[in-house]
Amino acid sequence: MKVKLTRNHPSEWHHIIFPTFAKGTPVKMVKDKEEGDDYFKDWLKVKIDGYETFVPISFVADGKLTREYNPTELVQKQGDIVEVIEIVNAWLLCKNEKEQIGWIPAEIAVSIE
């Protein structure tokens, strides 16, 4: 499925290109979710191999990743078209025209197919 972005996504983590973490990599909780924090509903704030980031709750069991995971967000502009690879907890894992893969919030995307 392809989507068009309705606004820019600069990414708060734009200065970090995360490595891909292997299935089984240990995950350490950074903090509990704050009350009323629905933006990252069903995501955990964690440290993985020294990187502080977010990970979907469903990707963690017994303190380890249950699958390969890369938390890098795609920096994209309003009007850009990207291909959706996967939808997880109101975020889209996408590939852009440069073949870069990363996350974009679903709320800024509309289907064009």
C-alpha atoms as a PDB file:
ATOM      1  CA  MET A   1       0.000   0.000   0.000  1.00  0.00           C
ATOM      2  CA  LYS A   2       1.235   3.489  -0.803  1.00  0.00           C
ATOM      3  CA  VAL A   3       0.467   6.561   1.273  1.00  0.00           C
ATOM      4  CA  LYS A   4       0.922  10.299   0.843  1.00  0.00           C
ATOM      5  CA  LEU A   5       2.099  12.379   3.799  1.00  0.00           C
ATOM      6  CA  THR A   6      -0.202  15.193   4.891  1.00  0.00           C
ATOM      7  CA  ARG A   7       2.542  17.031   6.782  1.00  0.00           C
ATOM      8  CA  ASN A   8       6.287  16.958   7.364  1.00  0.00           C
ATOM      9  CA  HIS A   9       7.831  14.301   9.582  1.00  0.00           C
ATOM     10  CA  PRO A  10      11.164  15.697  10.798  1.00  0.00           C
ATOM     11  CA  SER A  11      11.675  12.965  13.454  1.00  0.00           C
ATOM     12  CA  GLU A  12      12.816  13.784  16.951  1.00  0.00           C
ATOM     13  CA  TRP A  13      15.607  11.208  16.463  1.00  0.00           C
ATOM     14  CA  HIS A  14      16.792  12.586  13.075  1.00  0.00           C
ATOM     15  CA  HIS A  15      20.396  12.769  14.263  1.00  0.00           C
ATOM     16  CA  ILE A  16      20.497   9.019  14.992  1.00  0.00           C
ATOM     17  CA  ILE A  17      20.621   6.202  12.474  1.00  0.00           C
ATOM     18  CA  PHE A  18      19.912   3.168  14.595  1.00  0.00           C
ATOM     19  CA  PRO A  19      21.416  -0.228  13.879  1.00  0.00           C
ATOM     20  CA  THR A  20      19.098  -3.153  13.348  1.00  0.00           C
ATOM     21  CA  PHE A  21      18.872  -5.062  16.607  1.00  0.00           C
ATOM     22  CA  ALA A  22      18.775  -8.849  16.378  1.00  0.00           C
ATOM     23  CA  LYS A  23      15.993 -11.005  17.740  1.00  0.00           C
ATOM     24  CA  GLY A  24      16.893 -11.888  21.327  1.00  0.00           C
ATOM     25  CA  THR A  25      18.712  -8.602  22.056  1.00  0.00           C
ATOM     26  CA  PRO A  26      18.138  -7.569  25.709  1.00  0.00           C
ATOM     27  CA  VAL A  27      15.767  -4.629  26.257  1.00  0.00           C
ATOM     28  CA  LYS A  28      15.913  -2.470  29.403  1.00  0.00           C
ATOM     29  CA  MET A  29      12.946  -0.312  30.444  1.00  0.00           C
ATOM     30  CA  VAL A  30      13.820   3.390  30.780  1.00  0.00           C
ATOM     31  CA  LYS A  31      10.623   4.577  32.459  1.00  0.00           C
ATOM     32  CA  ASP A  32       6.984   3.769  32.806  1.00  0.00           C
ATOM     33  CA  LYS A  33       4.561   5.538  30.513  1.00  0.00           C
ATOM     34  CA  GLU A  34       3.285   8.810  31.865  1.00  0.00           C
ATOM     35  CA  GLU A  35      -0.424   8.977  32.618  1.00  0.00           C
ATOM     36  CA  GLY A  36      -2.330  10.441  29.679  1.00  0.00           C
ATOM     37  CA  ASP A  37       0.502   9.695  27.226  1.00  0.00           C
ATOM     38  CA  ASP A  38      -1.488   8.160  24.365  1.00  0.00           C
ATOM     39  CA  TYR A  39       0.843   9.194  21.517  1.00  0.00           C
ATOM     40  CA  PHE A  40       3.042   6.166  22.100  1.00  0.00           C
ATOM     41  CA  LYS A  41       0.230   3.880  23.235  1.00  0.00           C
ATOM     42  CA  ASP A  42       1.426   0.270  23.226  1.00  0.00           C
ATOM     43  CA  TRP A  43       5.088   1.338  22.895  1.00  0.00           C
ATOM     44  CA  LEU A  44       7.799   1.058  25.546  1.00  0.00           C
ATOM     45  CA  LYS A  45      10.572   3.584  26.205  1.00  0.00           C
ATOM     46  CA  VAL A  46      13.704   1.432  26.445  1.00  0.00           C
ATOM     47  CA  LYS A  47      17.454   1.103  26.083  1.00  0.00           C
ATOM     48  CA  ILE A  48      18.721  -1.399  23.542  1.00  0.00           C
ATOM     49  CA  ASP A  49      22.500  -1.837  23.251  1.00  0.00           C
ATOM     50  CA  GLY A  50      22.964   1.615  24.837  1.00  0.00           C
ATOM     51  CA  TYR A  51      20.478   3.393  22.531  1.00  0.00           C
ATOM     52  CA  GLU A  52      17.434   5.032  24.127  1.00  0.00           C
ATOM     53  CA  THR A  53      14.381   4.566  21.927  1.00  0.00           C
ATOM     54  CA  PHE A  54      10.844   3.222  21.708  1.00  0.00           C
ATOM     55  CA  VAL A  55       9.773  -0.305  20.824  1.00  0.00           C
ATOM     56  CA  PRO A  56       6.300  -1.790  20.331  1.00  0.00           C
ATOM     57  CA  ILE A  57       5.205  -3.774  23.391  1.00  0.00           C
ATOM     58  CA  SER A  58       4.437  -6.719  21.109  1.00  0.00           C
ATOM     59  CA  PHE A  59       8.118  -6.865  20.032  1.00  0.00           C
ATOM     60  CA  VAL A  60       9.328  -7.600  23.597  1.00  0.00           C
ATOM     61  CA  ALA A  61       8.957 -10.678  25.799  1.00  0.00           C
ATOM     62  CA  ASP A  62      10.945 -11.695  28.868  1.00  0.00           C
ATOM     63  CA  GLY A  63      13.155  -8.598  28.496  1.00  0.00           C
ATOM     64  CA  LYS A  64      14.287  -9.428  24.959  1.00  0.00           C
ATOM     65  CA  LEU A  65      13.313  -8.551  21.402  1.00  0.00           C
ATOM     66  CA  THR A  66      11.045 -11.166  19.853  1.00  0.00           C
ATOM     67  CA  ARG A  67      12.065 -10.153  16.323  1.00  0.00           C
ATOM     68  CA  GLU A  68      14.639  -8.122  14.431  1.00  0.00           C
ATOM     69  CA  TYR A  69      13.958  -4.399  14.999  1.00  0.00           C
ATOM     70  CA  ASN A  70      15.222  -1.025  13.795  1.00  0.00           C
ATOM     71  CA  PRO A  71      13.644   2.083  15.424  1.00  0.00           C
ATOM     72  CA  THR A  72      14.884   4.608  12.828  1.00  0.00           C
ATOM     73  CA  GLU A  73      12.222   7.114  11.762  1.00  0.00           C
ATOM     74  CA  LEU A  74      11.959   8.312   8.167  1.00  0.00           C
ATOM     75  CA  VAL A  75      12.471  12.029   7.691  1.00  0.00           C
ATOM     76  CA  GLN A  76       9.937  12.966   5.015  1.00  0.00           C
ATOM     77  CA  LYS A  77       8.120  16.044   3.735  1.00  0.00           C
ATOM     78  CA  GLN A  78       4.466  16.809   3.201  1.00  0.00           C
ATOM     79  CA  GLY A  79       3.363  15.379  -0.145  1.00  0.00           C
ATOM     80  CA  ASP A  80       5.970  12.609  -0.203  1.00  0.00           C
ATOM     81  CA  ILE A  81       4.711   9.165  -1.194  1.00  0.00           C
ATOM     82  CA  VAL A  82       6.014   6.114   0.654  1.00  0.00           C
ATOM     83  CA  GLU A  83       5.279   2.391   0.550  1.00  0.00           C
ATOM     84  CA  VAL A  84       3.902   0.840   3.746  1.00  0.00           C
ATOM     85  CA  ILE A  85       5.635  -2.378   4.781  1.00  0.00           C
ATOM     86  CA  GLU A  86       3.900  -2.901   8.122  1.00  0.00           C
ATOM     87  CA  ILE A  87       1.449  -1.167  10.462  1.00  0.00           C
ATOM     88  CA  VAL A  88       2.198  -1.370  14.203  1.00  0.00           C
ATOM     89  CA  ASN A  89       0.386   0.531  16.965  1.00  0.00           C
ATOM     90  CA  ALA A  90      -0.554   3.625  14.912  1.00  0.00           C
ATOM     91  CA  TRP A  91       2.884   3.816  13.239  1.00  0.00           C
ATOM     92  CA  LEU A  92       3.835   2.777   9.717  1.00  0.00           C
ATOM     93  CA  LEU A  93       7.051   1.032   8.787  1.00  0.00           C
ATOM     94  CA  CYS A  94       7.705   2.465   5.323  1.00  0.00           C
ATOM     95  CA  LYS A  95      10.126   2.520   2.425  1.00  0.00           C
ATOM     96  CA  ASN A  96      10.715   5.759   0.541  1.00  0.00           C
ATOM     97  CA  GLU A  97      11.810   6.344  -3.062  1.00  0.00           C
ATOM     98  CA  LYS A  98      15.493   6.149  -1.995  1.00  0.00           C
ATOM     99  CA  GLU A  99      14.834   2.636  -0.601  1.00  0.00           C
ATOM    100  CA  GLN A 100      15.325   3.921   2.989  1.00  0.00           C
ATOM    101  CA  ILE A 101      13.191   2.153   5.585  1.00  0.00           C
ATOM    102  CA  GLY A 102      11.841   3.702   8.760  1.00  0.00           C
ATOM    103  CA  TRP A 103       8.845   4.641  10.888  1.00  0.00           C
ATOM    104  CA  ILE A 104       6.231   7.365  10.286  1.00  0.00           C
ATOM    105  CA  PRO A 105       3.156   8.102  12.434  1.00  0.00           C
ATOM    106  CA  ALA A 106       0.008   6.830  10.708  1.00  0.00           C
ATOM    107  CA  GLU A 107      -1.871  10.033  11.572  1.00  0.00           C
ATOM    108  CA  ILE A 108       0.080  11.974   8.923  1.00  0.00           C
ATOM    109  CA  ALA A 109      -0.545   9.533   6.069  1.00  0.00           C
ATOM    110  CA  VAL A 110      -3.469   8.949   3.723  1.00  0.00           C
ATOM    111  CA  SER A 111      -3.841   5.993   1.382  1.00  0.00           C
ATOM    112  CA  ILE A 112      -3.523   6.730  -2.328  1.00  0.00           C
ATOM    113  CA  GLU A 113      -4.519   3.257  -3.487  1.00  0.00           C
END
